[in-house]
Amino acid sequence: MADHTSMDDLRRERVERPGFNAVEYDAGREEARLAIEFANAIRERRLELGLTQTAVAERAGLRQPDVSRLEAGGGTPTIGMLERLAHALEMRFVARFEKHDAA
């Protein structure tokens, strides 16, 4: 039986490598978390409306593979794409910057 490496072991190896940048690593993890959260929100709303990916794409002026990619947490949508996607899903697109709370 082959030995298997756990995700914790892989993470530990990465952190212990020379040149490891914790800030970049944390930023990458946060970006991935946001992409998954965004993907889930798009998919859930589409299903709530009873729409196919093709229908959403047509409403938003996108291609079905673009919608599929976004629902999978991939791609880098533009602000315009996000606005069109929100409209297609009968939502508003809102982006804002907020100050961090003082710790």
N, C-alpha and C. Protein backbone atom coordinates (compact mmCIF):
# COMPACT_ATOMS: atom_id res chain seq x y z
N MET A 1 0.84 -1.18 0.00
CA MET A 1 0.00 0.00 0.00
C MET A 1 0.89 1.24 0.00
N ALA A 2 0.58 2.21 -0.83
CA ALA A 2 1.39 3.41 -0.96
C ALA A 2 1.16 4.34 0.23
N ASP A 3 2.23 5.05 0.61
CA ASP A 3 2.09 6.05 1.67
C ASP A 3 1.37 7.26 1.10
N HIS A 4 0.53 7.86 1.91
CA HIS A 4 -0.21 9.05 1.50
C HIS A 4 0.21 10.22 2.38
N THR A 5 0.28 11.39 1.78
CA THR A 5 0.60 12.60 2.51
C THR A 5 -0.68 13.37 2.76
N SER A 6 -0.88 13.80 3.99
CA SER A 6 -2.10 14.55 4.31
C SER A 6 -1.94 16.00 3.87
N MET A 7 -3.07 16.70 3.78
CA MET A 7 -3.03 18.12 3.43
C MET A 7 -2.27 18.91 4.49
N ASP A 8 -2.41 18.52 5.74
CA ASP A 8 -1.68 19.19 6.82
C ASP A 8 -0.17 19.03 6.62
N ASP A 9 0.26 17.83 6.22
CA ASP A 9 1.69 17.59 5.97
C ASP A 9 2.18 18.45 4.81
N LEU A 10 1.37 18.53 3.75
CA LEU A 10 1.76 19.35 2.60
C LEU A 10 1.87 20.82 2.99
N ARG A 11 0.90 21.30 3.77
CA ARG A 11 0.92 22.68 4.24
C ARG A 11 2.16 22.94 5.09
N ARG A 12 2.45 22.03 5.99
CA ARG A 12 3.60 22.17 6.88
C ARG A 12 4.89 22.22 6.06
N GLU A 13 5.01 21.36 5.05
CA GLU A 13 6.19 21.36 4.18
C GLU A 13 6.35 22.70 3.49
N ARG A 14 5.25 23.24 2.99
CA ARG A 14 5.30 24.51 2.27
C ARG A 14 5.76 25.63 3.20
N VAL A 15 5.22 25.67 4.40
CA VAL A 15 5.55 26.72 5.36
C VAL A 15 7.01 26.66 5.78
N GLU A 16 7.57 25.47 5.83
CA GLU A 16 8.95 25.30 6.29
C GLU A 16 9.98 25.53 5.18
N ARG A 17 9.55 25.71 3.95
CA ARG A 17 10.49 25.93 2.85
C ARG A 17 11.18 27.29 2.98
N PRO A 18 12.47 27.35 2.59
CA PRO A 18 13.15 28.65 2.58
C PRO A 18 12.44 29.58 1.59
N GLY A 19 12.33 30.83 1.95
CA GLY A 19 11.70 31.81 1.07
C GLY A 19 10.19 31.83 1.15
N PHE A 20 9.62 31.04 2.05
CA PHE A 20 8.16 31.03 2.19
C PHE A 20 7.68 32.41 2.63
N ASN A 21 6.65 32.91 1.97
CA ASN A 21 6.09 34.22 2.28
C ASN A 21 4.70 34.03 2.88
N ALA A 22 4.59 34.18 4.19
CA ALA A 22 3.32 33.95 4.89
C ALA A 22 2.25 34.92 4.44
N VAL A 23 2.62 36.17 4.15
CA VAL A 23 1.62 37.16 3.73
C VAL A 23 1.01 36.76 2.39
N GLU A 24 1.85 36.37 1.43
CA GLU A 24 1.35 35.94 0.13
C GLU A 24 0.51 34.66 0.27
N TYR A 25 0.95 33.75 1.12
CA TYR A 25 0.22 32.50 1.34
C TYR A 25 -1.17 32.79 1.90
N ASP A 26 -1.23 33.65 2.91
CA ASP A 26 -2.51 34.00 3.52
C ASP A 26 -3.41 34.73 2.52
N ALA A 27 -2.83 35.61 1.71
CA ALA A 27 -3.61 36.34 0.70
C ALA A 27 -4.18 35.36 -0.33
N GLY A 28 -3.39 34.38 -0.71
CA GLY A 28 -3.86 33.37 -1.66
C GLY A 28 -5.00 32.54 -1.10
N ARG A 29 -4.90 32.19 0.17
CA ARG A 29 -5.96 31.43 0.83
C ARG A 29 -7.24 32.25 0.90
N GLU A 30 -7.12 33.54 1.21
CA GLU A 30 -8.29 34.41 1.30
C GLU A 30 -8.92 34.59 -0.08
N GLU A 31 -8.09 34.74 -1.10
CA GLU A 31 -8.60 34.87 -2.47
C GLU A 31 -9.37 33.62 -2.88
N ALA A 32 -8.83 32.46 -2.55
CA ALA A 32 -9.51 31.20 -2.88
C ALA A 32 -10.83 31.08 -2.13
N ARG A 33 -10.85 31.49 -0.86
CA ARG A 33 -12.08 31.44 -0.07
C ARG A 33 -13.14 32.34 -0.67
N LEU A 34 -12.74 33.55 -1.08
CA LEU A 34 -13.69 34.48 -1.68
C LEU A 34 -14.22 33.96 -3.02
N ALA A 35 -13.35 33.34 -3.81
CA ALA A 35 -13.77 32.79 -5.10
C ALA A 35 -14.82 31.69 -4.90
N ILE A 36 -14.62 30.85 -3.90
CA ILE A 36 -15.58 29.77 -3.62
C ILE A 36 -16.90 30.35 -3.11
N GLU A 37 -16.81 31.35 -2.24
CA GLU A 37 -18.02 31.99 -1.71
C GLU A 37 -18.81 32.64 -2.85
N PHE A 38 -18.11 33.33 -3.73
CA PHE A 38 -18.73 33.97 -4.89
C PHE A 38 -19.36 32.92 -5.81
N ALA A 39 -18.63 31.86 -6.08
CA ALA A 39 -19.12 30.79 -6.95
C ALA A 39 -20.40 30.18 -6.39
N ASN A 40 -20.40 29.90 -5.10
CA ASN A 40 -21.59 29.32 -4.47
C ASN A 40 -22.78 30.26 -4.55
N ALA A 41 -22.55 31.55 -4.35
CA ALA A 41 -23.64 32.53 -4.41
C ALA A 41 -24.25 32.59 -5.80
N ILE A 42 -23.41 32.56 -6.84
CA ILE A 42 -23.91 32.60 -8.22
C ILE A 42 -24.75 31.36 -8.51
N ARG A 43 -24.19 30.21 -8.19
CA ARG A 43 -24.88 28.95 -8.48
C ARG A 43 -26.20 28.86 -7.71
N GLU A 44 -26.17 29.20 -6.42
CA GLU A 44 -27.39 29.12 -5.60
C GLU A 44 -28.48 30.04 -6.15
N ARG A 45 -28.11 31.26 -6.54
CA ARG A 45 -29.11 32.20 -7.07
C ARG A 45 -29.66 31.70 -8.40
N ARG A 46 -28.78 31.20 -9.26
CA ARG A 46 -29.22 30.68 -10.56
C ARG A 46 -30.24 29.56 -10.36
N LEU A 47 -29.92 28.64 -9.46
CA LEU A 47 -30.82 27.51 -9.20
C LEU A 47 -32.12 27.99 -8.55
N GLU A 48 -32.03 28.97 -7.67
CA GLU A 48 -33.22 29.54 -7.04
C GLU A 48 -34.17 30.11 -8.08
N LEU A 49 -33.61 30.71 -9.14
CA LEU A 49 -34.41 31.28 -10.22
C LEU A 49 -34.84 30.23 -11.24
N GLY A 50 -34.32 29.01 -11.11
CA GLY A 50 -34.66 27.94 -12.05
C GLY A 50 -34.05 28.15 -13.42
N LEU A 51 -32.88 28.79 -13.46
CA LEU A 51 -32.22 29.08 -14.73
C LEU A 51 -31.07 28.11 -15.00
N THR A 52 -30.82 27.89 -16.28
CA THR A 52 -29.65 27.12 -16.68
C THR A 52 -28.47 28.07 -16.81
N GLN A 53 -27.28 27.52 -16.88
CA GLN A 53 -26.10 28.35 -17.12
C GLN A 53 -26.22 29.07 -18.46
N THR A 54 -26.79 28.40 -19.44
CA THR A 54 -26.97 29.00 -20.76
C THR A 54 -27.91 30.20 -20.68
N ALA A 55 -29.01 30.06 -19.93
CA ALA A 55 -29.96 31.17 -19.79
C ALA A 55 -29.31 32.36 -19.10
N VAL A 56 -28.53 32.11 -18.06
CA VAL A 56 -27.83 33.20 -17.37
C VAL A 56 -26.84 33.86 -18.31
N ALA A 57 -26.11 33.05 -19.05
CA ALA A 57 -25.13 33.59 -20.00
C ALA A 57 -25.81 34.48 -21.03
N GLU A 58 -26.92 34.03 -21.58
CA GLU A 58 -27.64 34.83 -22.57
C GLU A 58 -28.13 36.14 -21.97
N ARG A 59 -28.66 36.09 -20.77
CA ARG A 59 -29.14 37.30 -20.10
C ARG A 59 -28.01 38.29 -19.83
N ALA A 60 -26.82 37.75 -19.54
CA ALA A 60 -25.68 38.59 -19.16
C ALA A 60 -24.77 38.95 -20.33
N GLY A 61 -25.06 38.42 -21.50
CA GLY A 61 -24.18 38.68 -22.64
C GLY A 61 -22.84 37.97 -22.50
N LEU A 62 -22.88 36.81 -21.86
CA LEU A 62 -21.68 36.00 -21.68
C LEU A 62 -21.85 34.69 -22.42
N ARG A 63 -20.83 33.85 -22.35
CA ARG A 63 -20.93 32.50 -22.91
C ARG A 63 -21.17 31.53 -21.76
N GLN A 64 -21.82 30.42 -22.03
CA GLN A 64 -22.09 29.43 -20.99
C GLN A 64 -20.81 28.96 -20.31
N PRO A 65 -19.69 28.74 -21.06
CA PRO A 65 -18.47 28.32 -20.36
C PRO A 65 -17.96 29.37 -19.36
N ASP A 66 -18.24 30.66 -19.64
CA ASP A 66 -17.84 31.72 -18.69
C ASP A 66 -18.61 31.56 -17.38
N VAL A 67 -19.91 31.32 -17.48
CA VAL A 67 -20.74 31.13 -16.28
C VAL A 67 -20.27 29.87 -15.54
N SER A 68 -20.02 28.81 -16.26
CA SER A 68 -19.55 27.57 -15.65
C SER A 68 -18.24 27.79 -14.90
N ARG A 69 -17.32 28.50 -15.52
CA ARG A 69 -16.02 28.77 -14.91
C ARG A 69 -16.19 29.57 -13.62
N LEU A 70 -17.05 30.60 -13.66
CA LEU A 70 -17.28 31.41 -12.46
C LEU A 70 -17.93 30.59 -11.35
N GLU A 71 -18.86 29.71 -11.72
CA GLU A 71 -19.51 28.85 -10.72
C GLU A 71 -18.55 27.83 -10.13
N ALA A 72 -17.45 27.58 -10.82
CA ALA A 72 -16.44 26.65 -10.31
C ALA A 72 -15.35 27.37 -9.52
N GLY A 73 -15.51 28.69 -9.37
CA GLY A 73 -14.53 29.47 -8.62
C GLY A 73 -13.33 29.88 -9.43
N GLY A 74 -13.44 29.78 -10.75
CA GLY A 74 -12.33 30.14 -11.62
C GLY A 74 -12.56 31.45 -12.34
N GLY A 75 -11.55 31.88 -13.04
CA GLY A 75 -11.66 33.10 -13.83
C GLY A 75 -11.49 34.35 -12.99
N THR A 76 -11.33 35.46 -13.68
CA THR A 76 -11.20 36.76 -13.04
C THR A 76 -12.18 37.70 -13.71
N PRO A 77 -13.40 37.79 -13.18
CA PRO A 77 -14.42 38.62 -13.83
C PRO A 77 -14.11 40.11 -13.71
N THR A 78 -14.48 40.85 -14.75
CA THR A 78 -14.34 42.31 -14.71
C THR A 78 -15.53 42.89 -13.94
N ILE A 79 -15.42 44.16 -13.58
CA ILE A 79 -16.54 44.83 -12.90
C ILE A 79 -17.77 44.81 -13.81
N GLY A 80 -17.57 45.08 -15.09
CA GLY A 80 -18.69 45.05 -16.03
C GLY A 80 -19.35 43.69 -16.10
N MET A 81 -18.54 42.64 -16.10
CA MET A 81 -19.08 41.28 -16.13
C MET A 81 -19.89 41.00 -14.87
N LEU A 82 -19.39 41.45 -13.73
CA LEU A 82 -20.11 41.25 -12.47
C LEU A 82 -21.44 41.99 -12.47
N GLU A 83 -21.44 43.21 -13.02
CA GLU A 83 -22.69 43.98 -13.10
C GLU A 83 -23.71 43.28 -13.99
N ARG A 84 -23.26 42.79 -15.15
CA ARG A 84 -24.17 42.09 -16.07
C ARG A 84 -24.67 40.78 -15.46
N LEU A 85 -23.79 40.09 -14.78
CA LEU A 85 -24.16 38.83 -14.13
C LEU A 85 -25.19 39.08 -13.03
N ALA A 86 -24.97 40.12 -12.24
CA ALA A 86 -25.93 40.46 -11.18
C ALA A 86 -27.29 40.77 -11.79
N HIS A 87 -27.31 41.56 -12.85
CA HIS A 87 -28.58 41.90 -13.51
C HIS A 87 -29.27 40.62 -14.02
N ALA A 88 -28.49 39.73 -14.62
CA ALA A 88 -29.05 38.47 -15.15
C ALA A 88 -29.65 37.62 -14.04
N LEU A 89 -29.10 37.75 -12.84
CA LEU A 89 -29.58 36.97 -11.70
C LEU A 89 -30.57 37.76 -10.84
N GLU A 90 -31.04 38.88 -11.40
CA GLU A 90 -32.03 39.73 -10.72
C GLU A 90 -31.51 40.18 -9.35
N MET A 91 -30.26 40.65 -9.37
CA MET A 91 -29.59 41.14 -8.16
C MET A 91 -28.92 42.47 -8.48
N ARG A 92 -28.38 43.12 -7.46
CA ARG A 92 -27.55 44.31 -7.63
C ARG A 92 -26.11 43.92 -7.33
N PHE A 93 -25.19 44.50 -8.09
CA PHE A 93 -23.77 44.30 -7.78
C PHE A 93 -23.34 45.49 -6.94
N VAL A 94 -22.79 45.21 -5.76
CA VAL A 94 -22.34 46.25 -4.85
C VAL A 94 -20.91 45.92 -4.44
N ALA A 95 -20.01 46.88 -4.63
CA ALA A 95 -18.63 46.73 -4.18
C ALA A 95 -18.30 47.93 -3.31
N ARG A 96 -17.60 47.71 -2.23
CA ARG A 96 -17.24 48.83 -1.38
C ARG A 96 -15.95 48.53 -0.63
N PHE A 97 -15.30 49.59 -0.25
CA PHE A 97 -14.12 49.49 0.60
C PHE A 97 -14.52 49.97 1.99
N GLU A 98 -14.09 49.26 2.99
CA GLU A 98 -14.36 49.64 4.37
C GLU A 98 -13.06 49.63 5.15
N LYS A 99 -12.97 50.53 6.10
CA LYS A 99 -11.80 50.55 6.97
C LYS A 99 -11.83 49.33 7.87
N HIS A 100 -10.65 48.81 8.18
CA HIS A 100 -10.55 47.72 9.16
C HIS A 100 -10.90 48.27 10.52
N ASP A 101 -11.55 47.48 11.33
CA ASP A 101 -11.79 47.87 12.71
C ASP A 101 -10.47 47.91 13.45
N ALA A 102 -10.30 48.90 14.30
CA ALA A 102 -9.07 48.99 15.10
C ALA A 102 -9.04 47.83 16.08
N ALA A 103 -7.91 47.17 16.14
CA ALA A 103 -7.79 46.01 17.04
C ALA A 103 -7.32 46.43 18.41
